[in-house]
Amino acid sequence: MIDKLNEMQKRYDELLEKMQDEEIISDYEQYKKLAKEQSKLQPIMNCYATYKKTISDIESAKSILEDESDESMIELAKAEIEGAEKTLEAFQAQLVEFLEPKDERDDGNVIMEIRPAAGGDEAALFAGVLLRMYTMYAQAEGFSVEIYDLDETEIGGVKSVSFTVEGDGAFAKLKYESGVHRVQRVPETETQGRIHTSTCTVAVLPEAVTVDFKIEEKDLRVDVYRASGAGGQHVNKTESAVRITHIPTGVVVACQDGRSQIKNREKAMSILQAKLADHFQEQEDLKYASTRKNQVGTGDRSERIRTYNYPQGRITDHRIGKSVHNMTGFMNGDIGEMVDALRLGLKQQGE
């Protein structure tokens, strides 16, 4: 990566020099061509310059640790190194993003589904925690969240939830969250203080369609029913909720968020299209599984990807071996550090 960036830096410097040449300045077409190339390189070079400065700052702080005897200065240098290393990781991820071929789905919206797996009520409660975590992260990133199908338990857990995250780059940020999330903690209902292990599955789908297929009306079964909330209490008295089953694949989508059956059907069809796109895309991926080095984002969702260890205050992502020790902040949506690390680490693994 560095060699490629140094080559780009050399070309960028050449462009700046040429654009100062009076002959080129007087030739509008040539100047316009060079300016266009320079403008494409500029954001990459700005990022690379900050990346190199951050490395320099880390080296300077480390030299202070070697020469300094004052405890307060040593602690200050350690804090500076820790902060700079986090910044460096974010810039690495951004540089990889600049250099990698762009996934055409990255700029689009995301459809996410969370379901409890092993662990009963505790898993359902954790599903609710994950929903809150992703909602807070999305809002902090300037994305909008719309829950379109929510089935809650009587004690405040989530049996299943489906929602969209809308905003520029939403899929790029969240696509690596797909998989099994494991939690280790003492449930509120545990009287003897024993740690329980539960799991939830998170599915992440791009809203944009990337494979060609056609949904035939004859292949659909549409059911309407009354939307209900926790404990079976009716949200409204009309049959506004819609469930659509794609008979050939068995894919089912339900939408009960709105009071209008028409709007719920439109939303359900939109989600069905995305889910079928994912279904057919995975079939295509399987054809080439033996030759692909790494199936990032489209691999087996049954594998555990992350553990949330509450007693130790630690969140570990097993795919890249990264841990963070900020449980409160993380569960309140401060997951950006992990998101950036995944985008960098998984792309490097797939090279």
Protein backbone atom coordinates (compact mmCIF):
# COMPACT_ATOMS: atom_id res chain seq x y z
CA MET A 1 0.00 0.00 0.00
CA ILE A 2 2.76 2.45 0.93
CA ASP A 3 4.60 1.91 -2.38
CA LYS A 4 1.41 2.68 -4.28
CA LEU A 5 0.78 5.79 -2.19
CA ASN A 6 4.36 7.01 -2.75
CA GLU A 7 3.89 6.61 -6.50
CA MET A 8 0.66 8.61 -6.29
CA GLN A 9 2.43 11.26 -4.21
CA LYS A 10 5.14 11.55 -6.87
CA ARG A 11 2.52 11.96 -9.59
CA TYR A 12 0.59 14.49 -7.50
CA ASP A 13 3.74 16.62 -7.00
CA GLU A 14 4.44 16.45 -10.75
CA LEU A 15 0.93 17.68 -11.49
CA LEU A 16 1.25 20.62 -9.11
CA GLU A 17 4.56 21.58 -10.71
CA LYS A 18 3.19 21.37 -14.24
CA MET A 19 0.16 23.44 -13.30
CA GLN A 20 2.54 26.28 -12.39
CA ASP A 21 4.06 26.23 -15.87
CA GLU A 22 2.99 29.31 -17.86
CA GLU A 23 2.71 27.33 -21.11
CA ILE A 24 0.27 24.89 -19.55
CA ILE A 25 -1.66 27.68 -17.83
CA SER A 26 -2.18 29.30 -21.23
CA ASP A 27 -3.38 26.00 -22.74
CA TYR A 28 -6.89 25.71 -21.29
CA GLU A 29 -7.62 22.13 -22.39
CA GLN A 30 -4.33 20.74 -21.09
CA TYR A 31 -4.61 22.66 -17.83
CA LYS A 32 -8.18 21.43 -17.36
CA LYS A 33 -7.07 17.83 -17.88
CA LEU A 34 -4.25 18.12 -15.34
CA ALA A 35 -6.48 19.91 -12.84
CA LYS A 36 -9.05 17.12 -13.07
CA GLU A 37 -6.41 14.46 -12.34
CA GLN A 38 -5.00 16.55 -9.48
CA SER A 39 -8.43 17.03 -7.90
CA LYS A 40 -8.99 13.24 -7.88
CA LEU A 41 -5.68 12.66 -6.13
CA GLN A 42 -6.00 15.53 -3.63
CA PRO A 43 -8.24 13.84 -0.99
CA ILE A 44 -6.01 10.75 -1.03
CA MET A 45 -2.88 12.86 -0.64
CA ASN A 46 -4.44 14.91 2.17
CA CYS A 47 -5.25 11.70 4.01
CA TYR A 48 -1.76 10.30 3.34
CA ALA A 49 -0.12 13.49 4.64
CA THR A 50 -2.10 13.26 7.90
CA TYR A 51 -1.28 9.54 8.11
CA LYS A 52 2.48 10.26 7.85
CA LYS A 53 2.24 13.11 10.38
CA THR A 54 0.45 10.80 12.83
CA ILE A 55 3.27 8.24 12.49
CA SER A 56 5.77 11.02 13.18
CA ASP A 57 3.80 12.11 16.27
CA ILE A 58 3.82 8.54 17.59
CA GLU A 59 7.58 8.25 17.09
CA SER A 60 8.16 11.58 18.86
CA ALA A 61 6.03 10.50 21.82
CA LYS A 62 7.88 7.18 22.03
CA SER A 63 11.21 9.00 22.13
CA ILE A 64 9.90 10.98 25.11
CA LEU A 65 9.17 7.70 26.90
CA GLU A 66 12.76 6.58 26.36
CA ASP A 67 14.37 9.82 27.60
CA GLU A 68 11.88 11.18 30.14
CA SER A 69 11.98 10.41 33.88
CA ASP A 70 9.13 12.68 34.98
CA GLU A 71 6.08 10.47 35.66
CA SER A 72 3.56 13.11 34.59
CA MET A 73 5.32 13.56 31.23
CA ILE A 74 5.48 9.79 30.73
CA GLU A 75 1.74 9.45 31.36
CA LEU A 76 1.08 12.32 28.96
CA ALA A 77 3.21 10.67 26.27
CA LYS A 78 1.43 7.33 26.77
CA ALA A 79 -1.95 9.00 26.39
CA GLU A 80 -0.74 10.79 23.25
CA ILE A 81 0.49 7.50 21.75
CA GLU A 82 -2.79 5.73 22.51
CA GLY A 83 -4.84 8.49 20.89
CA ALA A 84 -2.54 8.75 17.89
CA GLU A 85 -2.64 4.98 17.29
CA LYS A 86 -6.44 5.07 17.15
CA THR A 87 -6.26 7.98 14.71
CA LEU A 88 -3.68 6.11 12.63
CA GLU A 89 -5.98 3.08 12.39
CA ALA A 90 -8.83 5.26 11.12
CA PHE A 91 -6.59 6.83 8.45
CA GLN A 92 -5.32 3.39 7.42
CA ALA A 93 -8.90 2.27 6.88
CA GLN A 94 -9.61 5.40 4.85
CA LEU A 95 -6.52 4.90 2.68
CA VAL A 96 -7.46 1.28 2.02
CA GLU A 97 -10.92 2.53 1.07
CA PHE A 98 -9.37 4.98 -1.40
CA LEU A 99 -7.15 2.34 -3.02
CA GLU A 100 -9.54 -0.62 -3.13
CA PRO A 101 -11.93 -1.12 -6.06
CA LYS A 102 -15.24 0.35 -4.95
CA ASP A 103 -18.15 -1.91 -4.05
CA GLU A 104 -21.08 -0.43 -5.95
CA ARG A 105 -23.36 -1.19 -3.00
CA ASP A 106 -21.29 0.78 -0.45
CA ASP A 107 -23.03 4.12 -0.95
CA GLY A 108 -26.49 2.65 -0.52
CA ASN A 109 -28.87 2.00 2.35
CA VAL A 110 -28.90 -1.05 4.62
CA ILE A 111 -31.53 -3.52 5.74
CA MET A 112 -30.71 -5.13 9.09
CA GLU A 113 -32.35 -7.97 11.02
CA ILE A 114 -31.62 -9.00 14.60
CA ARG A 115 -32.87 -12.26 16.11
CA PRO A 116 -32.09 -13.97 19.42
CA ALA A 117 -30.54 -17.43 19.03
CA ALA A 118 -29.28 -19.41 22.04
CA GLY A 119 -30.17 -18.14 25.50
CA GLY A 120 -33.95 -17.67 25.71
CA ASP A 121 -35.10 -14.47 27.43
CA GLU A 122 -31.54 -13.26 27.97
CA ALA A 123 -30.82 -13.53 24.24
CA ALA A 124 -34.02 -11.57 23.50
CA LEU A 125 -32.95 -8.86 25.94
CA PHE A 126 -29.55 -8.64 24.29
CA ALA A 127 -31.21 -8.37 20.87
CA GLY A 128 -32.88 -5.23 22.20
CA VAL A 129 -29.49 -3.93 23.38
CA LEU A 130 -28.02 -4.50 19.91
CA LEU A 131 -30.95 -2.68 18.31
CA ARG A 132 -30.32 0.31 20.56
CA MET A 133 -26.55 0.17 19.84
CA TYR A 134 -27.00 0.22 16.06
CA THR A 135 -29.70 2.90 16.26
CA MET A 136 -27.46 5.21 18.29
CA TYR A 137 -24.47 4.59 16.01
CA ALA A 138 -26.54 5.29 12.90
CA GLN A 139 -27.91 8.52 14.34
CA ALA A 140 -24.41 9.66 15.33
CA GLU A 141 -23.30 9.05 11.72
CA GLY A 142 -26.18 11.15 10.40
CA PHE A 143 -28.16 8.17 9.10
CA SER A 144 -31.88 7.67 9.62
CA VAL A 145 -33.35 4.48 11.09
CA GLU A 146 -36.79 3.07 10.31
CA ILE A 147 -38.07 -0.02 12.13
CA TYR A 148 -40.56 -1.82 9.91
CA ASP A 149 -41.14 -5.09 11.78
CA LEU A 150 -40.71 -5.49 15.55
CA ASP A 151 -41.82 -8.42 17.69
CA GLU A 152 -41.18 -7.82 21.41
CA THR A 153 -41.30 -10.05 24.47
CA GLU A 154 -43.38 -9.24 27.55
CA ILE A 155 -40.24 -8.42 29.59
CA GLY A 156 -38.89 -5.88 27.12
CA GLY A 157 -36.78 -8.14 24.92
CA VAL A 158 -36.91 -8.53 21.15
CA LYS A 159 -38.02 -11.75 19.45
CA SER A 160 -37.10 -10.29 16.07
CA VAL A 161 -36.62 -6.87 14.54
CA SER A 162 -36.08 -5.68 10.99
CA PHE A 163 -35.11 -2.11 10.15
CA THR A 164 -33.53 0.05 7.50
CA VAL A 165 -30.58 2.39 7.94
CA GLU A 166 -30.65 5.10 5.30
CA GLY A 167 -27.84 7.46 4.39
CA ASP A 168 -24.86 7.89 2.09
CA GLY A 169 -22.37 5.10 2.84
CA ALA A 170 -24.58 3.21 5.31
CA PHE A 171 -23.81 -0.20 3.77
CA ALA A 172 -20.06 0.48 3.72
CA LYS A 173 -20.14 1.18 7.46
CA LEU A 174 -22.36 -1.69 8.58
CA LYS A 175 -21.80 -4.56 6.14
CA TYR A 176 -19.29 -6.34 8.39
CA GLU A 177 -21.73 -6.56 11.32
CA SER A 178 -23.37 -9.63 9.80
CA GLY A 179 -22.95 -12.80 11.88
CA VAL A 180 -23.44 -14.24 15.36
CA HIS A 181 -22.90 -11.89 18.30
CA ARG A 182 -22.21 -13.61 21.63
CA VAL A 183 -22.79 -11.98 25.02
CA GLN A 184 -21.41 -13.10 28.38
CA ARG A 185 -23.00 -11.40 31.37
CA VAL A 186 -25.06 -11.90 34.52
CA PRO A 187 -28.75 -11.62 33.59
CA GLU A 188 -31.02 -9.41 35.70
CA THR A 189 -33.07 -12.50 36.54
CA GLU A 190 -30.02 -14.45 37.81
CA THR A 191 -30.17 -14.72 41.62
CA GLN A 192 -26.83 -16.45 42.18
CA GLY A 193 -24.66 -14.11 40.13
CA ARG A 194 -23.77 -16.69 37.49
CA ILE A 195 -22.53 -15.55 34.09
CA HIS A 196 -24.70 -16.72 31.20
CA THR A 197 -23.70 -16.98 27.53
CA SER A 198 -26.29 -16.04 24.90
CA THR A 199 -26.20 -15.32 21.19
CA CYS A 200 -28.02 -13.19 18.64
CA THR A 201 -27.78 -13.23 14.86
CA VAL A 202 -27.43 -10.03 12.87
CA ALA A 203 -28.10 -10.01 9.13
CA VAL A 204 -27.03 -7.06 6.96
CA LEU A 205 -28.38 -6.67 3.43
CA PRO A 206 -27.75 -3.94 0.85
CA GLU A 207 -30.95 -2.25 -0.23
CA ALA A 208 -29.61 -1.94 -3.78
CA VAL A 209 -30.15 -4.88 -6.13
CA THR A 210 -26.91 -6.27 -7.62
CA VAL A 211 -28.21 -9.38 -9.42
CA ASP A 212 -30.79 -9.64 -12.19
CA PHE A 213 -34.03 -11.39 -11.31
CA LYS A 214 -37.75 -10.84 -11.68
CA ILE A 215 -40.45 -11.22 -9.03
CA GLU A 216 -43.51 -12.86 -10.54
CA GLU A 217 -46.87 -12.08 -8.94
CA LYS A 218 -47.86 -15.76 -9.21
CA ASP A 219 -44.89 -16.64 -6.97
CA LEU A 220 -46.14 -14.48 -4.10
CA ARG A 221 -48.51 -15.28 -1.25
CA VAL A 222 -49.76 -12.13 0.50
CA ASP A 223 -51.34 -12.34 3.97
CA VAL A 224 -52.83 -9.42 5.86
CA TYR A 225 -53.39 -9.34 9.61
CA ARG A 226 -53.72 -7.00 12.57
CA ALA A 227 -50.48 -5.46 13.80
CA SER A 228 -49.80 -6.29 17.43
CA GLY A 229 -47.37 -5.12 20.08
CA ALA A 230 -45.77 -6.72 23.13
CA GLY A 231 -48.01 -9.24 24.88
CA GLY A 232 -50.38 -9.44 21.92
CA GLN A 233 -52.02 -6.07 22.45
CA HIS A 234 -53.45 -4.70 19.22
CA VAL A 235 -51.83 -1.58 17.83
CA ASN A 236 -54.87 -0.98 15.61
CA LYS A 237 -58.16 -2.66 14.81
CA THR A 238 -57.69 -2.98 11.04
CA GLU A 239 -55.74 -5.58 9.11
CA SER A 240 -52.95 -3.22 8.09
CA ALA A 241 -49.96 -5.55 8.64
CA VAL A 242 -48.71 -7.40 5.57
CA ARG A 243 -46.75 -10.65 5.22
CA ILE A 244 -45.39 -11.62 1.80
CA THR A 245 -43.99 -15.07 1.07
CA HIS A 246 -41.91 -15.74 -2.04
CA ILE A 247 -43.01 -19.32 -2.66
CA PRO A 248 -40.08 -20.60 -4.81
CA THR A 249 -37.42 -19.60 -2.26
CA GLY A 250 -39.44 -19.58 0.97
CA VAL A 251 -38.27 -16.02 1.77
CA VAL A 252 -40.79 -14.25 4.03
CA VAL A 253 -41.09 -10.53 4.77
CA ALA A 254 -43.51 -8.88 7.20
CA CYS A 255 -44.21 -5.19 7.70
CA GLN A 256 -46.52 -3.81 10.40
CA ASP A 257 -45.01 -0.41 11.12
CA GLY A 258 -47.53 1.79 9.32
CA ARG A 259 -51.30 1.96 9.72
CA SER A 260 -51.82 1.80 5.96
CA GLN A 261 -51.97 -1.64 4.37
CA ILE A 262 -50.89 -0.13 1.05
CA LYS A 263 -47.78 1.48 2.55
CA ASN A 264 -46.91 -1.67 4.47
CA ARG A 265 -47.21 -3.71 1.27
CA GLU A 266 -44.97 -1.27 -0.62
CA LYS A 267 -42.37 -1.43 2.14
CA ALA A 268 -42.60 -5.23 2.35
CA MET A 269 -42.08 -5.54 -1.43
CA SER A 270 -39.02 -3.29 -1.22
CA ILE A 271 -37.55 -5.43 1.57
CA LEU A 272 -38.46 -8.65 -0.27
CA GLN A 273 -36.60 -7.45 -3.33
CA ALA A 274 -33.48 -6.79 -1.24
CA LYS A 275 -33.71 -10.15 0.54
CA LEU A 276 -34.13 -12.01 -2.74
CA ALA A 277 -31.17 -10.10 -4.18
CA ASP A 278 -29.10 -11.28 -1.23
CA HIS A 279 -30.41 -14.85 -1.67
CA PHE A 280 -29.49 -15.00 -5.36
CA GLN A 281 -26.18 -13.19 -4.75
CA GLU A 282 -25.17 -15.82 -2.20
CA GLN A 283 -26.00 -18.53 -4.73
CA GLU A 284 -23.70 -16.82 -7.22
CA ASP A 285 -20.97 -16.49 -4.58
CA LEU A 286 -21.15 -20.21 -3.76
CA LYS A 287 -20.33 -21.05 -7.37
CA TYR A 288 -17.00 -19.32 -6.95
CA ALA A 289 -16.37 -20.16 -3.27
CA SER A 290 -13.52 -22.56 -4.06
CA THR A 291 -11.53 -19.89 -5.88
CA ARG A 292 -12.27 -16.91 -3.64
CA LYS A 293 -9.64 -16.16 -1.04
CA ASN A 294 -12.02 -14.51 1.37
CA GLN A 295 -15.78 -14.03 1.35
CA VAL A 296 -16.07 -10.86 3.37
CA GLY A 297 -19.67 -9.97 4.15
CA THR A 298 -21.23 -12.86 2.22
CA GLY A 299 -19.82 -15.85 4.10
CA ASP A 300 -21.35 -18.19 6.63
CA ARG A 301 -23.48 -16.22 9.08
CA SER A 302 -23.55 -19.07 11.60
CA GLU A 303 -20.00 -18.29 12.72
CA ARG A 304 -19.44 -16.29 15.89
CA ILE A 305 -17.93 -12.96 14.92
CA ARG A 306 -17.89 -10.99 18.18
CA THR A 307 -18.06 -11.51 21.94
CA TYR A 308 -19.37 -8.94 24.44
CA ASN A 309 -17.83 -9.88 27.80
CA TYR A 310 -19.57 -7.69 30.38
CA PRO A 311 -17.66 -8.85 33.51
CA GLN A 312 -14.35 -7.94 31.85
CA GLY A 313 -15.76 -4.84 30.10
CA ARG A 314 -14.34 -6.14 26.83
CA ILE A 315 -15.67 -6.46 23.27
CA THR A 316 -13.62 -8.74 20.99
CA ASP A 317 -14.06 -9.20 17.27
CA HIS A 318 -12.71 -12.66 16.47
CA ARG A 319 -12.22 -12.06 12.74
CA ILE A 320 -9.45 -9.52 13.25
CA GLY A 321 -8.53 -10.27 16.87
CA LYS A 322 -9.29 -6.74 18.02
CA SER A 323 -10.59 -5.89 21.50
CA VAL A 324 -11.90 -2.63 22.91
CA HIS A 325 -12.46 -1.93 26.60
CA ASN A 326 -15.29 0.57 26.59
CA MET A 327 -18.42 -1.48 27.18
CA THR A 328 -20.67 1.43 28.18
CA GLY A 329 -19.65 3.61 25.26
CA PHE A 330 -19.76 0.74 22.78
CA MET A 331 -23.27 -0.32 23.72
CA ASN A 332 -24.30 3.36 23.46
CA GLY A 333 -23.32 3.36 19.80
CA ASP A 334 -19.63 4.28 20.01
CA ILE A 335 -18.60 1.49 17.65
CA GLY A 336 -16.73 3.59 15.07
CA GLU A 337 -13.29 2.36 16.15
CA MET A 338 -14.33 -1.26 15.61
CA VAL A 339 -16.05 -0.43 12.32
CA ASP A 340 -12.89 1.23 10.97
CA ALA A 341 -10.69 -1.65 12.18
CA LEU A 342 -12.93 -4.17 10.44
CA ARG A 343 -12.97 -2.26 7.18
CA LEU A 344 -9.16 -2.19 7.23
CA GLY A 345 -8.47 -5.67 8.62
CA LEU A 346 -10.93 -7.66 6.53
CA LYS A 347 -9.95 -5.95 3.31
CA GLN A 348 -6.28 -6.69 4.02
CA GLN A 349 -7.14 -10.34 4.70
CA GLY A 350 -8.91 -10.50 1.36
CA GLU A 351 -5.94 -9.21 -0.66
